[in-house]
Amino acid sequence: MKKLVYLFGFILAFVALLLGFFTLVEYRPRDIESVELDNPRALDKDELTLLSFNIGYGGLGKDEDFFMDGGSKVMPESVEVVEGYLSGILGTLKENPADFYLIQEVDKNSKRSYGIDQASYLEEGLGLESSFAINFKALYVPFPLPTIGKVHSGLQTLSSYRPSLYYRKSLPVPFKWPVRTVNLKRALLVEEYEIQGREEKFILINTHLEAYDDGQGKLDQSRELLKLAMDYYDQGNYVVVGGDWNQSFPGGEVYPPLSPDLWQAGLLIEEDLPKGWSYLADNSTPSCRSNHKAYQEEDHQVYLIDGYLISPNLEGLSVKTLDYGFSHSDHNPVELKIRLK
């Protein structure tokens, strides 16, 4: 009996020590973390092209599945696989010139992508200015088996223009302790650009909202995002929000649920927006696919969760989901063309 008591006590002490360690090293960002830049390069034209692309940390190409979606994998089999996906991702960006690239799930130093600094890889490969905001940083994620391990990942925006200011804006975290200690800390990457000949600024917000929550997290984060965007607009600025919303855009009903067992997106309701604001997405091609198995076009669950929100003083000229067949990521890139009114 004493041995059982000692064993039970040892297990409790070990668990307490482990939880204490994860709490001690938890990533705790401030609400706002900003960087002011010298020598900003102002926008010099009224028509702009943007490209949003969730690159799935170079680990979720067409041959991959992922345990959180019902698959079995935690990471690709080798660094060569990740390098191949990243090469394809960079090629995709080069094939589609844009004034702004809004990239999500960019790893800087993560076990799941073999420690490759993808932010530097894209910045150097495109030869553009780059901003970065962390939304997932954990010294060690202890699940599943094999474990996810170390993660350092976030949002990246690239452009030939140079903002006067950019900052990381924290979003509400839906997870409670202790799960929170090793989970994502969602954020917005906000950039402020000057415009030649205008007093107003061009505000670009890169977003990647909650995926694996009960739905309330997405709603709380969406409200915070919309409030920030509208505050900027009320000051007279031009505002674009782009990225992976993990919510279905209007028109996404053309890709209905195929099984209640698969991950399903929340819904973005255009009628909930103030007058003049617009969601922009292209439902002729899906922007995301489920990771419960390797991609099979004929019977795969797909979604329309990547796109944009623009303020009333912007005109949406075109929006297009580029069909790359999920070759290098579990998302397709989405191109937007706009005009400043």
Protein backbone atom coordinates (compact mmCIF):
# COMPACT_ATOMS: atom_id res chain seq x y z
CA MET A 1 0.00 0.00 0.00
CA LYS A 2 2.82 2.41 0.90
CA LYS A 3 4.42 1.79 -2.49
CA LEU A 4 1.17 2.72 -4.22
CA VAL A 5 0.91 5.88 -2.13
CA TYR A 6 4.51 6.81 -2.97
CA LEU A 7 3.90 6.08 -6.66
CA PHE A 8 0.73 8.17 -6.68
CA GLY A 9 2.55 10.99 -4.91
CA PHE A 10 5.41 10.82 -7.39
CA ILE A 11 3.00 11.00 -10.33
CA LEU A 12 1.20 14.00 -8.83
CA ALA A 13 4.49 15.76 -8.18
CA PHE A 14 5.69 15.06 -11.71
CA VAL A 15 2.46 16.39 -13.25
CA ALA A 16 2.60 19.48 -11.04
CA LEU A 17 6.22 20.06 -12.02
CA LEU A 18 5.37 19.66 -15.70
CA LEU A 19 2.43 22.07 -15.52
CA GLY A 20 4.57 24.52 -13.60
CA PHE A 21 7.26 24.34 -16.28
CA PHE A 22 4.80 24.98 -19.14
CA THR A 23 3.26 27.86 -17.19
CA LEU A 24 6.68 29.37 -16.52
CA VAL A 25 7.77 29.30 -20.17
CA GLU A 26 4.37 30.22 -21.67
CA TYR A 27 4.51 32.82 -24.44
CA ARG A 28 2.75 35.91 -23.06
CA PRO A 29 2.75 38.70 -25.65
CA ARG A 30 1.66 42.24 -24.84
CA ASP A 31 -1.60 43.51 -26.32
CA ILE A 32 0.30 45.73 -28.78
CA GLU A 33 3.89 45.18 -29.93
CA SER A 34 4.85 47.84 -32.46
CA VAL A 35 7.81 48.72 -34.67
CA GLU A 36 8.29 52.19 -36.17
CA LEU A 37 10.31 52.25 -39.38
CA ASP A 38 12.54 54.90 -40.90
CA ASN A 39 12.30 55.95 -44.55
CA PRO A 40 8.84 54.57 -45.35
CA ARG A 41 8.01 54.09 -49.02
CA ALA A 42 4.55 55.55 -49.66
CA LEU A 43 1.98 54.13 -52.04
CA ASP A 44 2.34 55.81 -55.43
CA LYS A 45 -0.74 54.49 -57.25
CA ASP A 46 -4.47 54.02 -56.70
CA GLU A 47 -4.84 50.46 -58.03
CA LEU A 48 -3.27 47.70 -55.96
CA THR A 49 -2.93 43.91 -56.14
CA LEU A 50 -2.87 41.74 -53.03
CA LEU A 51 -2.29 38.02 -52.63
CA SER A 52 -3.24 36.09 -49.48
CA PHE A 53 -1.83 32.59 -48.98
CA ASN A 54 -1.84 30.26 -45.98
CA ILE A 55 1.24 28.17 -46.73
CA GLY A 56 0.62 25.55 -44.04
CA TYR A 57 4.20 25.90 -42.67
CA GLY A 58 5.48 24.08 -45.75
CA GLY A 59 4.14 20.86 -44.30
CA LEU A 60 0.62 20.39 -45.67
CA GLY A 61 0.90 19.76 -49.40
CA LYS A 62 -1.42 17.46 -51.33
CA ASP A 63 0.16 14.23 -50.04
CA GLU A 64 -0.20 15.13 -46.35
CA ASP A 65 -2.82 14.64 -43.66
CA PHE A 66 -2.95 16.09 -40.13
CA PHE A 67 -4.03 14.55 -36.84
CA MET A 68 -6.20 17.52 -35.75
CA ASP A 69 -8.40 17.01 -38.82
CA GLY A 70 -8.70 13.26 -38.34
CA GLY A 71 -5.52 12.20 -40.10
CA SER A 72 -2.53 10.51 -38.51
CA LYS A 73 0.49 12.71 -39.26
CA VAL A 74 2.15 15.32 -37.07
CA MET A 75 4.76 16.44 -39.62
CA PRO A 76 6.08 15.46 -43.06
CA GLU A 77 8.43 12.49 -43.34
CA SER A 78 11.58 14.48 -44.14
CA VAL A 79 13.13 17.90 -44.50
CA GLU A 80 13.30 17.29 -48.26
CA VAL A 81 9.50 17.11 -48.39
CA VAL A 82 9.22 20.48 -46.64
CA GLU A 83 11.86 22.00 -48.92
CA GLY A 84 9.91 20.77 -51.94
CA TYR A 85 6.69 22.37 -50.73
CA LEU A 86 8.47 25.63 -49.90
CA SER A 87 10.04 25.74 -53.35
CA GLY A 88 6.58 25.34 -54.86
CA ILE A 89 5.16 28.04 -52.58
CA LEU A 90 7.87 30.53 -53.54
CA GLY A 91 7.30 29.67 -57.19
CA THR A 92 3.59 30.34 -56.77
CA LEU A 93 4.26 33.78 -55.30
CA LYS A 94 6.70 34.65 -58.08
CA GLU A 95 4.19 33.54 -60.72
CA ASN A 96 1.61 35.97 -59.31
CA PRO A 97 3.17 39.42 -58.85
CA ALA A 98 1.45 41.52 -56.19
CA ASP A 99 1.97 44.78 -54.36
CA PHE A 100 1.31 42.98 -51.07
CA TYR A 101 1.63 39.34 -50.05
CA LEU A 102 -0.26 38.34 -46.90
CA ILE A 103 1.11 34.98 -45.74
CA GLN A 104 -0.16 32.82 -42.86
CA GLU A 105 1.41 29.84 -41.03
CA VAL A 106 5.01 30.86 -41.64
CA ASP A 107 7.45 28.96 -39.42
CA LYS A 108 10.66 30.52 -38.16
CA ASN A 109 12.03 27.64 -36.11
CA SER A 110 9.67 24.69 -35.58
CA LYS A 111 10.20 20.96 -35.24
CA ARG A 112 7.28 20.27 -37.60
CA SER A 113 9.12 21.98 -40.47
CA TYR A 114 12.63 20.85 -39.50
CA GLY A 115 13.76 24.22 -38.16
CA ILE A 116 13.67 26.04 -41.52
CA ASP A 117 13.38 29.83 -41.24
CA GLN A 118 10.57 30.22 -43.76
CA ALA A 119 10.15 33.95 -43.14
CA SER A 120 13.73 34.62 -44.24
CA TYR A 121 13.35 32.17 -47.13
CA LEU A 122 10.36 34.07 -48.54
CA GLU A 123 11.82 37.52 -47.85
CA GLU A 124 15.09 36.69 -49.58
CA GLY A 125 13.40 34.74 -52.37
CA LEU A 126 11.09 37.63 -53.26
CA GLY A 127 13.51 40.44 -52.41
CA LEU A 128 10.81 42.44 -50.61
CA GLU A 129 10.27 44.32 -47.36
CA SER A 130 8.87 42.04 -44.68
CA SER A 131 6.90 42.32 -41.44
CA PHE A 132 6.24 39.42 -39.06
CA ALA A 133 3.96 38.76 -36.07
CA ILE A 134 4.08 35.65 -33.89
CA ASN A 135 0.84 33.75 -33.35
CA PHE A 136 2.21 30.39 -32.14
CA LYS A 137 5.26 30.13 -29.92
CA ALA A 138 5.88 27.23 -27.57
CA LEU A 139 9.09 25.74 -26.27
CA TYR A 140 7.50 22.31 -26.39
CA VAL A 141 4.00 21.10 -27.35
CA PRO A 142 3.66 17.74 -25.56
CA PHE A 143 1.04 16.11 -27.78
CA PRO A 144 0.20 13.91 -29.65
CA LEU A 145 2.73 11.05 -29.98
CA PRO A 146 5.13 11.74 -31.58
CA THR A 147 4.83 15.24 -30.17
CA ILE A 148 4.61 18.53 -32.06
CA GLY A 149 7.54 19.80 -30.00
CA LYS A 150 8.95 23.29 -30.48
CA VAL A 151 6.91 25.82 -32.49
CA HIS A 152 7.79 29.38 -33.55
CA SER A 153 5.37 30.55 -36.23
CA GLY A 154 3.27 33.48 -37.36
CA LEU A 155 2.00 35.90 -39.98
CA GLN A 156 4.18 37.59 -42.60
CA THR A 157 3.40 40.46 -44.95
CA LEU A 158 5.76 41.27 -47.82
CA SER A 159 5.77 44.28 -50.14
CA SER A 160 7.97 46.57 -52.20
CA TYR A 161 6.36 49.39 -50.19
CA ARG A 162 7.62 50.15 -46.68
CA PRO A 163 5.14 50.95 -43.90
CA SER A 164 5.72 53.79 -41.46
CA LEU A 165 4.59 51.50 -38.65
CA TYR A 166 3.61 47.89 -38.11
CA TYR A 167 2.46 46.07 -35.02
CA ARG A 168 1.21 42.83 -33.57
CA LYS A 169 -2.29 43.13 -32.06
CA SER A 170 -3.23 40.31 -29.69
CA LEU A 171 -6.62 38.64 -30.12
CA PRO A 172 -8.69 36.92 -27.40
CA VAL A 173 -7.43 33.44 -26.47
CA PRO A 174 -10.34 30.96 -26.15
CA PHE A 175 -8.35 28.29 -24.34
CA LYS A 176 -8.08 27.94 -20.57
CA TRP A 177 -5.08 26.97 -18.44
CA PRO A 178 -3.22 24.63 -18.83
CA VAL A 179 -4.10 24.03 -22.52
CA ARG A 180 -3.49 27.74 -23.17
CA THR A 181 0.17 27.46 -22.17
CA VAL A 182 1.16 25.47 -25.29
CA ASN A 183 -1.49 26.72 -27.72
CA LEU A 184 -1.76 29.41 -30.35
CA LYS A 185 -1.91 33.06 -29.33
CA ARG A 186 -3.77 34.48 -32.31
CA ALA A 187 -2.91 37.98 -33.46
CA LEU A 188 -3.30 40.53 -36.23
CA LEU A 189 -0.35 41.87 -38.21
CA VAL A 190 -1.26 45.52 -38.83
CA GLU A 191 0.64 47.83 -41.17
CA GLU A 192 0.18 51.56 -41.75
CA TYR A 193 1.26 52.93 -45.15
CA GLU A 194 1.47 56.54 -46.23
CA ILE A 195 -0.10 57.51 -49.59
CA GLN A 196 1.49 60.04 -51.92
CA GLY A 197 -0.74 63.10 -52.32
CA ARG A 198 -3.23 62.04 -49.63
CA GLU A 199 -3.53 62.63 -45.91
CA GLU A 200 -5.24 59.30 -45.35
CA LYS A 201 -3.31 56.11 -44.70
CA PHE A 202 -3.61 52.66 -46.22
CA ILE A 203 -4.14 50.13 -43.44
CA LEU A 204 -3.37 46.49 -44.21
CA ILE A 205 -4.35 43.80 -41.69
CA ASN A 206 -3.11 40.22 -42.07
CA THR A 207 -5.27 37.74 -40.13
CA HIS A 208 -5.53 34.06 -39.24
CA LEU A 209 -8.43 33.41 -36.87
CA GLU A 210 -9.07 30.46 -34.57
CA ALA A 211 -9.59 27.01 -36.08
CA TYR A 212 -9.99 24.34 -33.41
CA ASP A 213 -12.33 25.95 -30.88
CA ASP A 214 -16.04 25.68 -30.04
CA GLY A 215 -16.88 28.64 -32.27
CA GLN A 216 -16.91 31.35 -29.61
CA GLY A 217 -13.21 32.06 -30.10
CA LYS A 218 -13.76 32.89 -33.77
CA LEU A 219 -16.64 35.21 -32.88
CA ASP A 220 -14.70 37.07 -30.19
CA GLN A 221 -11.67 37.45 -32.46
CA SER A 222 -13.85 38.58 -35.39
CA ARG A 223 -15.47 41.28 -33.25
CA GLU A 224 -12.08 42.60 -32.16
CA LEU A 225 -10.83 42.56 -35.75
CA LEU A 226 -13.90 44.40 -37.07
CA LYS A 227 -13.70 47.02 -34.32
CA LEU A 228 -10.07 47.78 -35.18
CA ALA A 229 -10.81 47.98 -38.91
CA MET A 230 -13.78 50.29 -38.39
CA ASP A 231 -11.89 52.54 -35.98
CA TYR A 232 -9.25 53.05 -38.68
CA TYR A 233 -11.95 53.78 -41.28
CA ASP A 234 -13.70 56.26 -38.99
CA GLN A 235 -10.40 58.18 -38.94
CA GLY A 236 -10.64 58.48 -42.73
CA ASN A 237 -8.24 55.69 -43.69
CA TYR A 238 -8.43 52.96 -46.32
CA VAL A 239 -8.64 49.49 -44.77
CA VAL A 240 -8.08 45.99 -46.15
CA VAL A 241 -8.21 42.84 -44.04
CA GLY A 242 -6.99 39.65 -45.69
CA GLY A 243 -6.11 36.12 -44.72
CA ASP A 244 -7.47 32.84 -43.39
CA TRP A 245 -10.64 33.52 -41.41
CA ASN A 246 -11.51 29.88 -40.65
CA GLN A 247 -15.06 30.97 -41.41
CA SER A 248 -16.97 30.45 -44.63
CA PHE A 249 -17.38 33.52 -46.82
CA PRO A 250 -20.70 34.38 -48.49
CA GLY A 251 -20.94 31.99 -51.44
CA GLY A 252 -19.18 29.22 -49.55
CA GLU A 253 -22.39 27.18 -49.45
CA VAL A 254 -21.38 25.71 -52.81
CA TYR A 255 -19.00 23.55 -50.76
CA PRO A 256 -21.39 21.84 -48.30
CA PRO A 257 -20.35 19.54 -45.44
CA LEU A 258 -19.72 15.99 -46.63
CA SER A 259 -19.60 14.40 -43.17
CA PRO A 260 -20.42 15.55 -39.62
CA ASP A 261 -17.13 13.97 -38.53
CA LEU A 262 -15.01 16.45 -40.50
CA TRP A 263 -13.93 19.93 -39.41
CA GLN A 264 -16.47 22.58 -40.33
CA ALA A 265 -15.99 26.33 -40.65
CA GLY A 266 -18.01 29.04 -38.97
CA LEU A 267 -19.96 31.54 -41.08
CA LEU A 268 -19.27 35.13 -42.09
CA ILE A 269 -22.56 37.02 -42.54
CA GLU A 270 -22.31 40.04 -44.84
CA GLU A 271 -25.54 41.50 -43.45
CA ASP A 272 -23.78 41.89 -40.09
CA LEU A 273 -21.34 44.40 -41.59
CA PRO A 274 -21.89 48.17 -41.43
CA LYS A 275 -23.10 49.78 -44.65
CA GLY A 276 -20.53 49.89 -47.43
CA TRP A 277 -18.16 47.24 -46.05
CA SER A 278 -17.68 44.16 -48.23
CA TYR A 279 -16.44 40.60 -47.88
CA LEU A 280 -14.63 39.52 -51.04
CA ALA A 281 -13.94 35.88 -51.93
CA ASP A 282 -14.17 33.75 -55.07
CA ASN A 283 -16.27 30.59 -54.83
CA SER A 284 -15.42 29.29 -58.30
CA THR A 285 -12.49 27.45 -56.69
CA PRO A 286 -12.17 26.31 -53.05
CA SER A 287 -9.56 28.07 -50.95
CA CYS A 288 -8.93 25.29 -48.41
CA ARG A 289 -9.22 21.52 -48.05
CA SER A 290 -9.64 19.20 -45.09
CA ASN A 291 -6.52 17.43 -43.84
CA HIS A 292 -8.21 14.21 -42.74
CA LYS A 293 -6.47 12.46 -45.63
CA ALA A 294 -4.19 13.19 -48.59
CA TYR A 295 -5.96 15.31 -51.19
CA GLN A 296 -8.32 13.53 -53.58
CA GLU A 297 -10.11 16.00 -55.82
CA GLU A 298 -13.12 13.83 -56.64
CA ASP A 299 -14.46 13.38 -53.08
CA HIS A 300 -12.64 15.78 -50.76
CA GLN A 301 -14.13 18.17 -48.21
CA VAL A 302 -13.24 21.70 -49.28
CA TYR A 303 -14.01 25.19 -47.98
CA LEU A 304 -14.12 28.89 -48.87
CA ILE A 305 -12.44 30.44 -45.81
CA ASP A 306 -9.73 32.66 -47.33
CA GLY A 307 -10.53 36.14 -48.56
CA TYR A 308 -10.83 39.82 -47.75
CA LEU A 309 -12.80 42.58 -46.08
CA ILE A 310 -12.58 46.09 -47.54
CA SER A 311 -13.76 49.47 -46.31
CA PRO A 312 -16.39 51.55 -48.17
CA ASN A 313 -13.79 53.94 -49.63
CA LEU A 314 -12.22 51.09 -51.62
CA GLU A 315 -13.52 49.55 -54.83
CA GLY A 316 -13.07 45.83 -55.31
CA LEU A 317 -12.06 45.32 -58.94
CA SER A 318 -11.66 41.54 -58.88
CA VAL A 319 -11.07 38.62 -56.55
CA LYS A 320 -9.84 35.21 -57.65
CA THR A 321 -8.93 31.97 -55.91
CA LEU A 322 -5.95 30.62 -57.84
CA ASP A 323 -6.35 26.90 -58.50
CA TYR A 324 -3.09 25.19 -57.61
CA GLY A 325 -4.85 21.98 -56.64
CA PHE A 326 -3.50 22.22 -53.07
CA SER A 327 -0.18 20.98 -54.44
CA HIS A 328 2.08 22.78 -51.96
CA SER A 329 -0.32 23.73 -49.15
CA ASP A 330 -3.77 22.85 -47.84
CA HIS A 331 -4.86 26.30 -49.07
CA ASN A 332 -5.00 27.96 -52.47
CA PRO A 333 -3.85 31.59 -52.76
CA VAL A 334 -6.46 34.33 -53.22
CA GLU A 335 -5.73 37.41 -55.35
CA LEU A 336 -7.52 40.73 -54.88
CA LYS A 337 -7.37 43.86 -57.03
CA ILE A 338 -8.66 47.12 -55.53
CA ARG A 339 -8.85 50.83 -56.31
CA LEU A 340 -8.68 53.71 -53.85
CA LYS A 341 -11.71 55.94 -54.40
